[in-house]
Amino acid sequence: MPTIDVFNMTGEKVSELELNESIFAVEPNMSAMHIAVVNYLANQRQGTQSTLTRSEVSGGGKKPWRQKGTGRARQGSTRSPQWYHGGIALGPKPRSYRFTINKKVKKLAIKSALSAKVADSEMIVLDELKLDAIKTKEIVKVLAAVNAARKTLIVLPEKDDVVYRSARNIAGVKVSPVNAICVYDILNADTLLIAKGAVSKIEEVYA
């Protein structure tokens, strides 16, 4: 089983932790991770773009000129797509870009992303991350103590408003409870800073 060092909030090594090799030591599946990232980004799209068709543009009720005898092309409305101020032909309309992926693929993608972080030495385990008050300065100290990169994903065993509100003002830092992590956030971060309790919960769910 792979092992990883466990640090406290001051950056001192306090113990070692054995990781479940079926989660943190699998061969990363690039295809599964790609599908998961595309799925996440597609589901974030609002899909609210909209253009006006010829029937929705105001005006154009009168035929511009008579059908025959002018020498010009016949026209029925000044709001046809070929006219200036006319409607848009085949333009975008509100739609949903959401799609779902297979649960097994999603699970494989999470395992692959976590294993990639461990293999690249980009995962740091803290024995715990607790703050008595909302202090951004304290989170900055912790990140500096463990040599976390500028883009860091902090994963906690459960939702902690004190830590979240302390870290939300730091550029590039995101805090997430373990039940809300996704492949995109893991891969997008340069450092995965995870609490020891969160590792246990991940192993319970994905083992």
N, C-alpha and C. Protein backbone atom coordinates (compact mmCIF):
# COMPACT_ATOMS: atom_id res chain seq x y z
N MET A 1 0.84 -1.20 0.00
CA MET A 1 0.00 0.00 0.00
C MET A 1 0.87 1.25 0.00
N PRO A 2 0.47 2.28 -0.77
CA PRO A 2 1.25 3.52 -0.76
C PRO A 2 1.06 4.25 0.57
N THR A 3 2.10 4.92 1.01
CA THR A 3 2.02 5.70 2.25
C THR A 3 2.30 7.16 1.94
N ILE A 4 1.76 8.04 2.78
CA ILE A 4 1.95 9.47 2.58
C ILE A 4 2.16 10.11 3.95
N ASP A 5 2.98 11.15 3.99
CA ASP A 5 3.24 11.86 5.25
C ASP A 5 2.02 12.69 5.66
N VAL A 6 1.81 12.76 6.96
CA VAL A 6 0.72 13.57 7.52
C VAL A 6 1.34 14.73 8.29
N PHE A 7 0.89 15.94 7.99
CA PHE A 7 1.44 17.14 8.62
C PHE A 7 0.39 17.80 9.51
N ASN A 8 0.89 18.60 10.47
CA ASN A 8 -0.04 19.41 11.25
C ASN A 8 -0.12 20.80 10.61
N MET A 9 -0.84 21.72 11.23
CA MET A 9 -1.09 23.03 10.63
C MET A 9 0.15 23.91 10.60
N THR A 10 1.19 23.52 11.34
CA THR A 10 2.43 24.30 11.33
C THR A 10 3.45 23.74 10.34
N GLY A 11 3.08 22.67 9.63
CA GLY A 11 3.96 22.10 8.62
C GLY A 11 4.89 21.02 9.12
N GLU A 12 4.69 20.57 10.37
CA GLU A 12 5.54 19.52 10.93
C GLU A 12 4.94 18.14 10.63
N LYS A 13 5.80 17.20 10.28
CA LYS A 13 5.34 15.84 10.04
C LYS A 13 4.99 15.19 11.37
N VAL A 14 3.78 14.65 11.45
CA VAL A 14 3.35 14.05 12.72
C VAL A 14 3.17 12.53 12.62
N SER A 15 2.94 12.03 11.40
CA SER A 15 2.77 10.58 11.24
C SER A 15 2.78 10.23 9.76
N GLU A 16 2.52 8.96 9.49
CA GLU A 16 2.36 8.50 8.12
C GLU A 16 1.01 7.83 7.98
N LEU A 17 0.47 7.87 6.78
CA LEU A 17 -0.86 7.31 6.53
C LEU A 17 -0.79 6.34 5.36
N GLU A 18 -1.34 5.17 5.56
CA GLU A 18 -1.43 4.19 4.47
C GLU A 18 -2.67 4.49 3.64
N LEU A 19 -2.47 4.60 2.34
CA LEU A 19 -3.58 4.90 1.43
C LEU A 19 -4.09 3.62 0.77
N ASN A 20 -5.36 3.59 0.51
CA ASN A 20 -5.96 2.44 -0.16
C ASN A 20 -5.50 2.43 -1.62
N GLU A 21 -4.82 1.37 -2.02
CA GLU A 21 -4.25 1.34 -3.37
C GLU A 21 -5.31 1.24 -4.46
N SER A 22 -6.51 0.80 -4.11
CA SER A 22 -7.57 0.71 -5.12
C SER A 22 -8.17 2.07 -5.43
N ILE A 23 -7.78 3.10 -4.65
CA ILE A 23 -8.28 4.46 -4.89
C ILE A 23 -7.14 5.42 -5.24
N PHE A 24 -6.04 5.31 -4.50
CA PHE A 24 -4.96 6.28 -4.64
C PHE A 24 -3.76 5.74 -5.42
N ALA A 25 -3.86 4.54 -5.97
CA ALA A 25 -2.72 3.99 -6.71
C ALA A 25 -3.17 3.23 -7.95
N VAL A 26 -4.24 3.70 -8.57
CA VAL A 26 -4.70 3.06 -9.81
C VAL A 26 -4.04 3.73 -11.01
N GLU A 27 -4.06 3.04 -12.14
CA GLU A 27 -3.53 3.64 -13.37
C GLU A 27 -4.52 4.68 -13.86
N PRO A 28 -4.14 5.97 -13.91
CA PRO A 28 -5.08 7.02 -14.32
C PRO A 28 -5.67 6.77 -15.70
N ASN A 29 -6.99 6.82 -15.79
CA ASN A 29 -7.70 6.63 -17.04
C ASN A 29 -8.01 8.00 -17.64
N MET A 30 -7.23 8.39 -18.66
CA MET A 30 -7.37 9.72 -19.26
C MET A 30 -8.74 9.93 -19.89
N SER A 31 -9.27 8.89 -20.51
CA SER A 31 -10.57 9.00 -21.17
C SER A 31 -11.67 9.29 -20.16
N ALA A 32 -11.67 8.57 -19.04
CA ALA A 32 -12.70 8.77 -18.02
C ALA A 32 -12.60 10.17 -17.42
N MET A 33 -11.37 10.64 -17.17
CA MET A 33 -11.20 11.99 -16.61
C MET A 33 -11.66 13.05 -17.60
N HIS A 34 -11.38 12.83 -18.89
CA HIS A 34 -11.79 13.79 -19.91
C HIS A 34 -13.31 13.89 -19.98
N ILE A 35 -13.98 12.74 -19.96
CA ILE A 35 -15.45 12.73 -20.00
C ILE A 35 -16.02 13.45 -18.78
N ALA A 36 -15.43 13.22 -17.60
CA ALA A 36 -15.92 13.84 -16.37
C ALA A 36 -15.75 15.35 -16.40
N VAL A 37 -14.63 15.82 -16.94
CA VAL A 37 -14.38 17.27 -17.02
C VAL A 37 -15.34 17.92 -18.02
N VAL A 38 -15.53 17.30 -19.18
CA VAL A 38 -16.45 17.83 -20.18
C VAL A 38 -17.87 17.87 -19.61
N ASN A 39 -18.25 16.82 -18.88
CA ASN A 39 -19.56 16.77 -18.25
C ASN A 39 -19.75 17.90 -17.26
N TYR A 40 -18.74 18.15 -16.43
CA TYR A 40 -18.82 19.22 -15.43
C TYR A 40 -18.97 20.58 -16.11
N LEU A 41 -18.15 20.85 -17.11
CA LEU A 41 -18.19 22.15 -17.78
C LEU A 41 -19.50 22.35 -18.54
N ALA A 42 -20.00 21.27 -19.16
CA ALA A 42 -21.27 21.37 -19.89
C ALA A 42 -22.42 21.67 -18.93
N ASN A 43 -22.38 21.04 -17.75
CA ASN A 43 -23.45 21.25 -16.78
C ASN A 43 -23.41 22.64 -16.14
N GLN A 44 -22.27 23.33 -16.25
CA GLN A 44 -22.18 24.70 -15.73
C GLN A 44 -22.76 25.74 -16.69
N ARG A 45 -22.94 25.35 -17.95
CA ARG A 45 -23.42 26.32 -18.94
C ARG A 45 -24.88 26.68 -18.66
N GLN A 46 -25.18 27.98 -18.73
CA GLN A 46 -26.55 28.43 -18.48
C GLN A 46 -27.45 28.15 -19.68
N GLY A 47 -26.91 28.28 -20.87
CA GLY A 47 -27.72 28.02 -22.06
C GLY A 47 -28.84 29.02 -22.25
N THR A 48 -28.61 30.27 -21.82
CA THR A 48 -29.67 31.29 -21.91
C THR A 48 -29.54 32.20 -23.13
N GLN A 49 -28.61 31.89 -24.05
CA GLN A 49 -28.45 32.74 -25.23
C GLN A 49 -29.70 32.65 -26.11
N SER A 50 -30.06 33.79 -26.70
CA SER A 50 -31.28 33.80 -27.51
C SER A 50 -31.20 34.91 -28.55
N THR A 51 -31.65 34.61 -29.77
CA THR A 51 -31.73 35.62 -30.84
C THR A 51 -33.17 35.74 -31.31
N LEU A 52 -33.49 36.85 -31.95
CA LEU A 52 -34.85 37.09 -32.44
C LEU A 52 -34.99 36.59 -33.87
N THR A 53 -36.04 35.83 -34.11
CA THR A 53 -36.34 35.40 -35.48
C THR A 53 -37.16 36.48 -36.16
N ARG A 54 -37.46 36.29 -37.43
CA ARG A 54 -38.19 37.32 -38.19
C ARG A 54 -39.58 37.58 -37.59
N SER A 55 -40.16 36.60 -36.94
CA SER A 55 -41.49 36.78 -36.35
C SER A 55 -41.43 37.51 -35.02
N GLU A 56 -40.24 37.60 -34.43
CA GLU A 56 -40.10 38.23 -33.11
C GLU A 56 -39.57 39.66 -33.18
N VAL A 57 -39.00 40.06 -34.31
CA VAL A 57 -38.49 41.43 -34.45
C VAL A 57 -39.67 42.37 -34.68
N SER A 58 -39.67 43.51 -33.99
CA SER A 58 -40.78 44.45 -34.13
C SER A 58 -40.74 45.13 -35.50
N GLY A 59 -41.91 45.42 -36.02
CA GLY A 59 -42.02 46.09 -37.32
C GLY A 59 -42.15 45.11 -38.46
N GLY A 60 -42.07 45.64 -39.69
CA GLY A 60 -42.08 44.79 -40.87
C GLY A 60 -43.45 44.28 -41.27
N GLY A 61 -44.50 44.93 -40.80
CA GLY A 61 -45.84 44.43 -41.11
C GLY A 61 -46.29 44.71 -42.53
N LYS A 62 -45.72 45.74 -43.13
CA LYS A 62 -46.16 46.14 -44.48
C LYS A 62 -45.21 45.60 -45.53
N LYS A 63 -45.77 45.18 -46.64
CA LYS A 63 -44.94 44.72 -47.76
C LYS A 63 -44.18 45.93 -48.30
N PRO A 64 -42.84 45.82 -48.45
CA PRO A 64 -42.04 47.01 -48.85
C PRO A 64 -42.47 47.64 -50.18
N TRP A 65 -42.71 46.82 -51.18
CA TRP A 65 -43.19 47.30 -52.48
C TRP A 65 -44.03 46.22 -53.14
N ARG A 66 -44.69 46.60 -54.21
CA ARG A 66 -45.57 45.63 -54.83
C ARG A 66 -44.80 44.46 -55.40
N GLN A 67 -45.51 43.36 -55.61
CA GLN A 67 -44.88 42.11 -56.02
C GLN A 67 -44.19 42.22 -57.37
N LYS A 68 -44.84 42.83 -58.33
CA LYS A 68 -44.31 42.85 -59.69
C LYS A 68 -44.18 44.27 -60.23
N GLY A 69 -43.35 44.40 -61.26
CA GLY A 69 -43.28 45.65 -62.00
C GLY A 69 -42.25 46.65 -61.55
N THR A 70 -41.54 46.40 -60.45
CA THR A 70 -40.55 47.38 -59.98
C THR A 70 -39.15 47.07 -60.49
N GLY A 71 -38.92 45.83 -60.93
CA GLY A 71 -37.58 45.43 -61.37
C GLY A 71 -36.71 44.94 -60.24
N ARG A 72 -37.25 45.03 -59.05
CA ARG A 72 -36.49 44.56 -57.90
C ARG A 72 -36.98 43.19 -57.45
N ALA A 73 -36.19 42.54 -56.60
CA ALA A 73 -36.59 41.23 -56.09
C ALA A 73 -37.82 41.37 -55.21
N ARG A 74 -38.67 40.36 -55.27
CA ARG A 74 -39.88 40.41 -54.46
C ARG A 74 -39.53 40.29 -52.97
N GLN A 75 -40.20 41.09 -52.18
CA GLN A 75 -39.97 41.11 -50.72
C GLN A 75 -41.31 41.15 -50.02
N GLY A 76 -41.40 40.41 -48.94
CA GLY A 76 -42.65 40.38 -48.19
C GLY A 76 -42.59 41.14 -46.88
N SER A 77 -41.35 41.35 -46.36
CA SER A 77 -41.21 42.02 -45.07
C SER A 77 -39.81 42.61 -44.95
N THR A 78 -39.73 43.74 -44.26
CA THR A 78 -38.42 44.35 -44.02
C THR A 78 -37.73 43.71 -42.82
N ARG A 79 -38.34 42.68 -42.23
CA ARG A 79 -37.73 42.00 -41.10
C ARG A 79 -37.25 40.59 -41.47
N SER A 80 -37.17 40.31 -42.77
CA SER A 80 -36.59 39.05 -43.22
C SER A 80 -35.09 39.05 -42.91
N PRO A 81 -34.46 37.87 -42.78
CA PRO A 81 -33.05 37.80 -42.38
C PRO A 81 -32.08 38.57 -43.28
N GLN A 82 -32.40 38.72 -44.56
CA GLN A 82 -31.46 39.40 -45.45
C GLN A 82 -31.50 40.93 -45.32
N TRP A 83 -32.44 41.44 -44.55
CA TRP A 83 -32.57 42.89 -44.38
C TRP A 83 -31.80 43.38 -43.16
N TYR A 84 -31.30 44.61 -43.26
CA TYR A 84 -30.72 45.28 -42.09
C TYR A 84 -31.84 45.46 -41.07
N HIS A 85 -31.57 45.14 -39.82
CA HIS A 85 -32.57 45.13 -38.74
C HIS A 85 -33.54 43.97 -38.88
N GLY A 86 -33.22 43.01 -39.75
CA GLY A 86 -34.08 41.85 -39.88
C GLY A 86 -33.82 40.82 -38.79
N GLY A 87 -34.62 39.76 -38.78
CA GLY A 87 -34.45 38.70 -37.79
C GLY A 87 -33.24 37.83 -38.11
N ILE A 88 -32.88 36.97 -37.19
CA ILE A 88 -31.74 36.06 -37.37
C ILE A 88 -32.26 34.69 -37.80
N ALA A 89 -31.69 34.17 -38.86
CA ALA A 89 -32.09 32.84 -39.32
C ALA A 89 -31.28 31.77 -38.60
N LEU A 90 -31.95 30.80 -38.02
CA LEU A 90 -31.31 29.65 -37.37
C LEU A 90 -30.34 30.06 -36.26
N GLY A 91 -30.66 31.12 -35.53
CA GLY A 91 -29.81 31.57 -34.44
C GLY A 91 -30.02 30.74 -33.18
N PRO A 92 -29.15 30.91 -32.16
CA PRO A 92 -29.27 30.12 -30.93
C PRO A 92 -30.51 30.49 -30.12
N LYS A 93 -31.08 29.49 -29.47
CA LYS A 93 -32.24 29.67 -28.60
C LYS A 93 -31.93 29.01 -27.25
N PRO A 94 -32.59 29.40 -26.18
CA PRO A 94 -32.32 28.78 -24.87
C PRO A 94 -32.42 27.27 -24.93
N ARG A 95 -31.42 26.60 -24.33
CA ARG A 95 -31.40 25.15 -24.30
C ARG A 95 -30.53 24.68 -23.14
N SER A 96 -30.65 23.44 -22.78
CA SER A 96 -29.84 22.86 -21.72
C SER A 96 -28.72 22.02 -22.33
N TYR A 97 -27.51 22.21 -21.82
CA TYR A 97 -26.36 21.44 -22.30
C TYR A 97 -26.05 20.25 -21.38
N ARG A 98 -26.89 20.05 -20.39
CA ARG A 98 -26.62 19.00 -19.40
C ARG A 98 -26.67 17.61 -20.02
N PHE A 99 -25.79 16.74 -19.51
CA PHE A 99 -25.87 15.33 -19.84
C PHE A 99 -25.30 14.54 -18.67
N THR A 100 -25.67 13.30 -18.57
CA THR A 100 -25.21 12.47 -17.45
C THR A 100 -24.19 11.45 -17.95
N ILE A 101 -23.35 11.01 -17.03
CA ILE A 101 -22.37 9.98 -17.38
C ILE A 101 -22.59 8.76 -16.48
N ASN A 102 -22.12 7.65 -16.92
CA ASN A 102 -22.25 6.40 -16.19
C ASN A 102 -21.59 6.51 -14.81
N LYS A 103 -22.23 5.94 -13.80
CA LYS A 103 -21.70 6.01 -12.43
C LYS A 103 -20.32 5.36 -12.31
N LYS A 104 -20.12 4.28 -13.05
CA LYS A 104 -18.82 3.60 -12.99
C LYS A 104 -17.72 4.46 -13.61
N VAL A 105 -18.07 5.18 -14.68
CA VAL A 105 -17.10 6.07 -15.31
C VAL A 105 -16.75 7.22 -14.36
N LYS A 106 -17.77 7.76 -13.69
CA LYS A 106 -17.57 8.86 -12.75
C LYS A 106 -16.66 8.41 -11.59
N LYS A 107 -16.91 7.20 -11.09
CA LYS A 107 -16.11 6.65 -10.00
C LYS A 107 -14.67 6.43 -10.44
N LEU A 108 -14.50 5.89 -11.65
CA LEU A 108 -13.15 5.66 -12.18
C LEU A 108 -12.41 6.98 -12.38
N ALA A 109 -13.13 8.02 -12.82
CA ALA A 109 -12.52 9.33 -13.04
C ALA A 109 -12.01 9.93 -11.72
N ILE A 110 -12.80 9.81 -10.66
CA ILE A 110 -12.39 10.32 -9.34
C ILE A 110 -11.13 9.59 -8.86
N LYS A 111 -11.15 8.26 -8.96
CA LYS A 111 -9.98 7.46 -8.55
C LYS A 111 -8.75 7.83 -9.36
N SER A 112 -8.94 8.03 -10.66
CA SER A 112 -7.82 8.37 -11.54
C SER A 112 -7.23 9.73 -11.18
N ALA A 113 -8.11 10.70 -10.90
CA ALA A 113 -7.64 12.04 -10.54
C ALA A 113 -6.88 12.02 -9.22
N LEU A 114 -7.40 11.30 -8.23
CA LEU A 114 -6.72 11.21 -6.92
C LEU A 114 -5.38 10.49 -7.06
N SER A 115 -5.36 9.42 -7.84
CA SER A 115 -4.11 8.66 -8.03
C SER A 115 -3.07 9.50 -8.75
N ALA A 116 -3.51 10.32 -9.70
CA ALA A 116 -2.59 11.19 -10.44
C ALA A 116 -1.95 12.21 -9.50
N LYS A 117 -2.74 12.73 -8.56
CA LYS A 117 -2.21 13.70 -7.61
C LYS A 117 -1.16 13.06 -6.69
N VAL A 118 -1.44 11.83 -6.25
CA VAL A 118 -0.49 11.13 -5.38
C VAL A 118 0.79 10.81 -6.15
N ALA A 119 0.63 10.34 -7.39
CA ALA A 119 1.79 9.97 -8.21
C ALA A 119 2.67 11.19 -8.50
N ASP A 120 2.06 12.36 -8.65
CA ASP A 120 2.81 13.58 -8.96
C ASP A 120 3.25 14.33 -7.71
N SER A 121 3.04 13.73 -6.54
CA SER A 121 3.40 14.36 -5.24
C SER A 121 2.72 15.71 -5.07
N GLU A 122 1.47 15.80 -5.50
CA GLU A 122 0.71 17.04 -5.39
C GLU A 122 -0.42 16.94 -4.37
N MET A 123 -0.37 15.89 -3.55
CA MET A 123 -1.38 15.73 -2.50
C MET A 123 -0.71 15.84 -1.14
N ILE A 124 -1.27 16.69 -0.28
CA ILE A 124 -0.75 16.89 1.08
C ILE A 124 -1.87 16.56 2.06
N VAL A 125 -1.53 15.76 3.08
CA VAL A 125 -2.53 15.37 4.08
C VAL A 125 -2.25 16.11 5.39
N LEU A 126 -3.31 16.74 5.93
CA LEU A 126 -3.23 17.40 7.23
C LEU A 126 -3.92 16.53 8.27
N ASP A 127 -3.39 16.50 9.49
CA ASP A 127 -4.07 15.72 10.52
C ASP A 127 -5.44 16.31 10.83
N GLU A 128 -5.54 17.65 10.79
CA GLU A 128 -6.84 18.32 10.89
C GLU A 128 -6.67 19.79 10.50
N LEU A 129 -7.78 20.40 10.14
CA LEU A 129 -7.77 21.82 9.81
C LEU A 129 -8.93 22.48 10.55
N LYS A 130 -8.61 23.07 11.69
CA LYS A 130 -9.63 23.68 12.53
C LYS A 130 -9.21 25.10 12.88
N LEU A 131 -10.15 26.03 12.81
CA LEU A 131 -9.89 27.41 13.20
C LEU A 131 -10.92 27.83 14.25
N ASP A 132 -10.48 28.65 15.21
CA ASP A 132 -11.38 29.14 16.26
C ASP A 132 -12.22 30.31 15.77
N ALA A 133 -11.67 31.06 14.84
CA ALA A 133 -12.39 32.23 14.32
C ALA A 133 -12.09 32.39 12.84
N ILE A 134 -12.87 33.23 12.18
CA ILE A 134 -12.69 33.46 10.75
C ILE A 134 -11.47 34.36 10.55
N LYS A 135 -10.36 33.76 10.13
CA LYS A 135 -9.11 34.49 9.94
C LYS A 135 -8.44 34.04 8.65
N THR A 136 -8.45 34.89 7.65
CA THR A 136 -7.80 34.56 6.39
C THR A 136 -6.30 34.37 6.59
N LYS A 137 -5.75 35.15 7.51
CA LYS A 137 -4.31 35.09 7.80
C LYS A 137 -3.88 33.69 8.25
N GLU A 138 -4.75 33.02 9.00
CA GLU A 138 -4.43 31.68 9.51
C GLU A 138 -4.35 30.66 8.37
N ILE A 139 -5.26 30.75 7.41
CA ILE A 139 -5.24 29.84 6.25
C ILE A 139 -3.98 30.09 5.42
N VAL A 140 -3.62 31.36 5.26
CA VAL A 140 -2.41 31.71 4.51
C VAL A 140 -1.18 31.10 5.18
N LYS A 141 -1.15 31.14 6.51
CA LYS A 141 -0.03 30.56 7.27
C LYS A 141 0.05 29.04 7.04
N VAL A 142 -1.10 28.38 7.08
CA VAL A 142 -1.13 26.93 6.88
C VAL A 142 -0.63 26.58 5.48
N LEU A 143 -1.11 27.29 4.47
CA LEU A 143 -0.71 27.02 3.09
C LEU A 143 0.80 27.22 2.91
N ALA A 144 1.33 28.27 3.55
CA ALA A 144 2.77 28.53 3.45
C ALA A 144 3.57 27.46 4.19
N ALA A 145 3.04 27.00 5.33
CA ALA A 145 3.76 26.01 6.15
C ALA A 145 3.92 24.67 5.43
N VAL A 146 2.92 24.30 4.63
CA VAL A 146 2.98 23.00 3.94
C VAL A 146 3.44 23.14 2.49
N ASN A 147 3.87 24.35 2.12
CA ASN A 147 4.35 24.63 0.75
C ASN A 147 3.31 24.31 -0.32
N ALA A 148 2.08 24.71 -0.06
CA ALA A 148 1.01 24.50 -1.03
C ALA A 148 1.18 25.47 -2.20
N ALA A 149 0.75 25.03 -3.39
CA ALA A 149 0.86 25.88 -4.58
C ALA A 149 -0.19 26.99 -4.52
N ARG A 150 -0.09 27.89 -5.49
CA ARG A 150 -1.01 29.02 -5.51
C ARG A 150 -2.46 28.56 -5.72
N LYS A 151 -2.63 27.56 -6.60
CA LYS A 151 -3.97 27.00 -6.83
C LYS A 151 -4.11 25.75 -5.97
N THR A 152 -4.90 25.86 -4.91
CA THR A 152 -5.03 24.76 -3.96
C THR A 152 -6.49 24.42 -3.72
N LEU A 153 -6.78 23.13 -3.71
CA LEU A 153 -8.11 22.66 -3.33
C LEU A 153 -8.01 22.06 -1.93
N ILE A 154 -8.74 22.65 -0.99
CA ILE A 154 -8.78 22.16 0.39
C ILE A 154 -10.01 21.28 0.55
N VAL A 155 -9.80 20.02 0.92
CA VAL A 155 -10.91 19.07 1.08
C VAL A 155 -11.07 18.75 2.56
N LEU A 156 -12.29 18.96 3.06
CA LEU A 156 -12.59 18.73 4.48
C LEU A 156 -13.55 17.56 4.63
N PRO A 157 -13.56 16.90 5.79
CA PRO A 157 -14.47 15.77 6.00
C PRO A 157 -15.94 16.18 5.92
N GLU A 158 -16.22 17.41 6.34
CA GLU A 158 -17.59 17.93 6.28
C GLU A 158 -17.55 19.44 6.14
N LYS A 159 -18.70 20.03 5.88
CA LYS A 159 -18.76 21.47 5.67
C LYS A 159 -18.32 22.23 6.92
N ASP A 160 -17.44 23.20 6.73
CA ASP A 160 -16.94 24.02 7.84
C ASP A 160 -16.97 25.48 7.39
N ASP A 161 -17.97 26.22 7.87
CA ASP A 161 -18.15 27.61 7.44
C ASP A 161 -16.99 28.51 7.86
N VAL A 162 -16.37 28.21 9.01
CA VAL A 162 -15.25 29.04 9.48
C VAL A 162 -14.07 28.93 8.52
N VAL A 163 -13.73 27.72 8.14
CA VAL A 163 -12.62 27.52 7.19
C VAL A 163 -12.98 28.08 5.82
N TYR A 164 -14.22 27.81 5.39
CA TYR A 164 -14.65 28.29 4.07
C TYR A 164 -14.58 29.81 3.98
N ARG A 165 -15.10 30.49 4.99
CA ARG A 165 -15.12 31.96 4.97
C ARG A 165 -13.73 32.55 5.17
N SER A 166 -12.85 31.79 5.81
CA SER A 166 -11.47 32.26 5.99
C SER A 166 -10.67 32.16 4.69
N ALA A 167 -11.02 31.19 3.84
CA ALA A 167 -10.23 30.92 2.64
C ALA A 167 -10.82 31.50 1.37
N ARG A 168 -12.09 31.90 1.40
CA ARG A 168 -12.76 32.30 0.15
C ARG A 168 -12.18 33.57 -0.47
N ASN A 169 -11.46 34.35 0.33
CA ASN A 169 -10.90 35.60 -0.18
C ASN A 169 -9.51 35.43 -0.77
N ILE A 170 -8.98 34.21 -0.72
CA ILE A 170 -7.62 33.95 -1.23
C ILE A 170 -7.72 33.49 -2.68
N ALA A 171 -7.08 34.21 -3.57
CA ALA A 171 -7.15 33.88 -4.99
C ALA A 171 -6.55 32.50 -5.26
N GLY A 172 -7.28 31.68 -6.00
CA GLY A 172 -6.78 30.36 -6.38
C GLY A 172 -7.06 29.27 -5.37
N VAL A 173 -7.62 29.62 -4.21
CA VAL A 173 -7.89 28.62 -3.17
C VAL A 173 -9.39 28.31 -3.12
N LYS A 174 -9.71 27.03 -3.12
CA LYS A 174 -11.11 26.61 -3.04
C LYS A 174 -11.26 25.58 -1.93
N VAL A 175 -12.34 25.70 -1.16
CA VAL A 175 -12.63 24.77 -0.07
C VAL A 175 -13.85 23.96 -0.43
N SER A 176 -13.77 22.65 -0.23
CA SER A 176 -14.88 21.77 -0.58
C SER A 176 -15.01 20.65 0.44
N PRO A 177 -16.25 20.33 0.87
CA PRO A 177 -16.43 19.13 1.70
C PRO A 177 -16.21 17.90 0.84
N VAL A 178 -15.89 16.80 1.46
CA VAL A 178 -15.51 15.60 0.71
C VAL A 178 -16.64 15.09 -0.18
N ASN A 179 -17.90 15.33 0.22
CA ASN A 179 -19.02 14.84 -0.57
C ASN A 179 -19.34 15.71 -1.78
N ALA A 180 -18.58 16.79 -1.97
CA ALA A 180 -18.84 17.69 -3.10
C ALA A 180 -17.65 17.80 -4.06
N ILE A 181 -16.62 16.99 -3.86
CA ILE A 181 -15.46 17.09 -4.74
C ILE A 181 -15.81 16.56 -6.14
N CYS A 182 -15.16 17.13 -7.13
CA CYS A 182 -15.36 16.65 -8.50
C CYS A 182 -14.01 16.57 -9.20
N VAL A 183 -13.98 15.85 -10.30
CA VAL A 183 -12.74 15.62 -11.04
C VAL A 183 -12.14 16.94 -11.53
N TYR A 184 -13.00 17.84 -12.00
CA TYR A 184 -12.51 19.12 -12.53
C TYR A 184 -11.73 19.90 -11.46
N ASP A 185 -12.30 19.99 -10.25
CA ASP A 185 -11.64 20.74 -9.18
C ASP A 185 -10.31 20.11 -8.78
N ILE A 186 -10.28 18.77 -8.75
CA ILE A 186 -9.04 18.08 -8.37
C ILE A 186 -7.94 18.34 -9.40
N LEU A 187 -8.29 18.20 -10.69
CA LEU A 187 -7.28 18.38 -11.74
C LEU A 187 -6.90 19.84 -11.93
N ASN A 188 -7.84 20.74 -11.65
CA ASN A 188 -7.58 22.17 -11.85
C ASN A 188 -6.64 22.74 -10.79
N ALA A 189 -6.57 22.06 -9.64
CA ALA A 189 -5.71 22.54 -8.55
C ALA A 189 -4.29 22.01 -8.72
N ASP A 190 -3.32 22.84 -8.36
CA ASP A 190 -1.92 22.41 -8.39
C ASP A 190 -1.56 21.60 -7.15
N THR A 191 -2.29 21.86 -6.05
CA THR A 191 -2.08 21.12 -4.81
C THR A 191 -3.42 20.68 -4.25
N LEU A 192 -3.50 19.42 -3.86
CA LEU A 192 -4.69 18.90 -3.18
C LEU A 192 -4.38 18.79 -1.70
N LEU A 193 -4.92 19.70 -0.91
CA LEU A 193 -4.68 19.72 0.54
C LEU A 193 -5.90 19.07 1.21
N ILE A 194 -5.71 17.89 1.74
CA ILE A 194 -6.85 17.11 2.22
C ILE A 194 -6.67 16.73 3.68
N ALA A 195 -7.75 16.87 4.43
CA ALA A 195 -7.71 16.50 5.85
C ALA A 195 -7.73 14.98 5.99
N LYS A 196 -7.11 14.49 7.06
CA LYS A 196 -7.02 13.04 7.27
C LYS A 196 -8.40 12.38 7.35
N GLY A 197 -9.33 13.09 7.98
CA GLY A 197 -10.69 12.56 8.08
C GLY A 197 -11.36 12.44 6.73
N ALA A 198 -11.03 13.33 5.81
CA ALA A 198 -11.61 13.29 4.47
C ALA A 198 -11.07 12.09 3.69
N VAL A 199 -9.80 11.74 3.93
CA VAL A 199 -9.23 10.56 3.26
C VAL A 199 -10.00 9.30 3.67
N SER A 200 -10.32 9.20 4.96
CA SER A 200 -11.08 8.05 5.46
C SER A 200 -12.45 7.96 4.81
N LYS A 201 -13.09 9.12 4.65
CA LYS A 201 -14.43 9.13 4.05
C LYS A 201 -14.38 8.75 2.57
N ILE A 202 -13.34 9.21 1.88
CA ILE A 202 -13.18 8.85 0.46
C ILE A 202 -13.01 7.35 0.33
N GLU A 203 -12.21 6.77 1.22
CA GLU A 203 -11.97 5.33 1.17
C GLU A 203 -13.25 4.54 1.49
N GLU A 204 -14.08 5.08 2.39
CA GLU A 204 -15.34 4.42 2.71
C GLU A 204 -16.26 4.38 1.49
N VAL A 205 -16.29 5.49 0.73
CA VAL A 205 -17.22 5.60 -0.38
C VAL A 205 -16.74 4.86 -1.63
N TYR A 206 -15.45 5.01 -1.94
CA TYR A 206 -14.94 4.53 -3.24
C TYR A 206 -14.19 3.20 -3.18
N ALA A 207 -13.93 2.67 -1.99
CA ALA A 207 -13.19 1.41 -1.90
C ALA A 207 -14.00 0.25 -2.46
